[in-house]
Amino acid sequence: MISGGLPARAEPSAADKATAEALFDAALDLMKQGRSAEACPRLEQSQRIDPGIGTLLYLAECYENTGRTASAWATFRQAMSESQAAGQADRARKAQARAARLEPGLSKLSIGVAAENLAIEGFKVRSAGKAVDPAVFGVAIPVDPGEIAIEASAPGHETWTTTVKLGGDNKGPASVDVPALKRLEGPPPAPGDAPPPEAAGPAPARGAPAPAPAASGGNTARLIGLVVGGAGVVGLGVGTFFGVKAISKNSDAESYCKGGSTCEDERGVTLTEEAKSAATVSNVAFGLGAAAAIGGAVLVFVVAPRQAPPVQVGAFVDGRNVGLRVGGTFQ
C-alpha cells in the first residue's frame, strides 16, 4: 500500500538530529551501491526522527528504485506540498515532475462492499494487513504492485479473504467486491450441557416405563449375578421356613384326623389346608431360590469374565414348573 506522510512532532534534540543525519548518510551510500532495498528503511527512520524535504525526496526516489511506485508517487507529492509551503519552488517543481511521470503507470485497487456488511457492527476490511477506511470503499486507490491480501471480518460472522495481484501483466485498475458475510452458527454446547431435544431422541410414550440404561460388559453382569444370587439365598430361606411350617401343620392335623381317608374334624380340616398352602409356598420359594442361586452363579462365574452383552433375568412359574429365565448372548 501507499506509505503515508509522517505527522508533525516536537523539535528533535541534538542527539536525535545526529542519529537522523547518520541514517541519512548511510542510506545515500547504499543507494549509490544499488542497494535501495536496504536504504529505504534507514531513510524512513531518519524522516521519523528529523523530518526534512530533502529526506522526503530521497525516500521517494528509493521507493521508485524498489518498484513501490504508489509509495514513491505519494511521497513525491508530499515533498512537493511541503516545498511549496516552505517557499522552495525549485524542489516543488522537481517533485511535481517526478510524481507526474509515475502517475500513468500506477496500479490502483477499488474495494467494494455489499450493503448488508455496512450495517454489521464491528465490520472491518483490511488490505495488505492495514485497515481500510470506509470512506474509500469503491474508490480506486493507488497501491504498490504485487500480491495484496484482502480480508473482511465482523463479530459473529465468517471471515472472508481473497488475494489480488497487481502490476506485471495486470495493467490498469483492479476491483474486489466483498460479498455479504455469512453469519456463524451458534457455539457448540459446553461439556456437561444438556443436548437439544432433537439430539436427545424421542421421549418415551406417556405411561410407558423409561428404558433401562444399557449394561456395560462384565461389571454389570457380575453385579446382576450377585443380586440374583442373593435373591436366591433369600428364596431358599423362605422355602425352608414354609416347609417346616407345612410339616408342623400336617403333624397337628393328624392328631385330629385319625384313621380313614377323610377327616371330619373341622380343626383337622383347617390344619390340613394350611399345611398344603405352606407346602405350595415352600415348593415355589425353593424352586425360585434354587433357580436364582444357579443363575447368579452363572452370571458371576461364566458371563462376567467373558464381558457378555446385556443380560435379562426373570422368574417363571407355570402349572408344573418354577424357575428363572436368563437371557442374553453368551460368548
Foldseek 3Di string as FASTA:
>chain_A
DADADDDDDDAADPVLLVQLVVLQVVLVVCVVVVNLVVSLVSLVSSCNSHNDLVSLQVNLVSCVSVQFLRNSLNSLCVSLVVCVVVVNNVSNVVSVVVNVVSVVFFEWEAEAEDPLQVPAPAKWKDKQRHTDPPVRHRPTGGGGFAKIKMWIDGPQFDIDIDIDGDDDVHTDYYYHYHYDTHGDDDDDDDPPDDDPPVVVDDDDDPPDDDDDDWDWFLVRLLVLLVVLLVLLVVLLVLLVVLLVVLVVLLVVLCVQAPDDPDGDDPSSVVSNVSSVVSNVSSVQSNASSVQSNVSSCCSNPFRNVVRFTDKDKAWDDDPPHTHMDIDGDGD
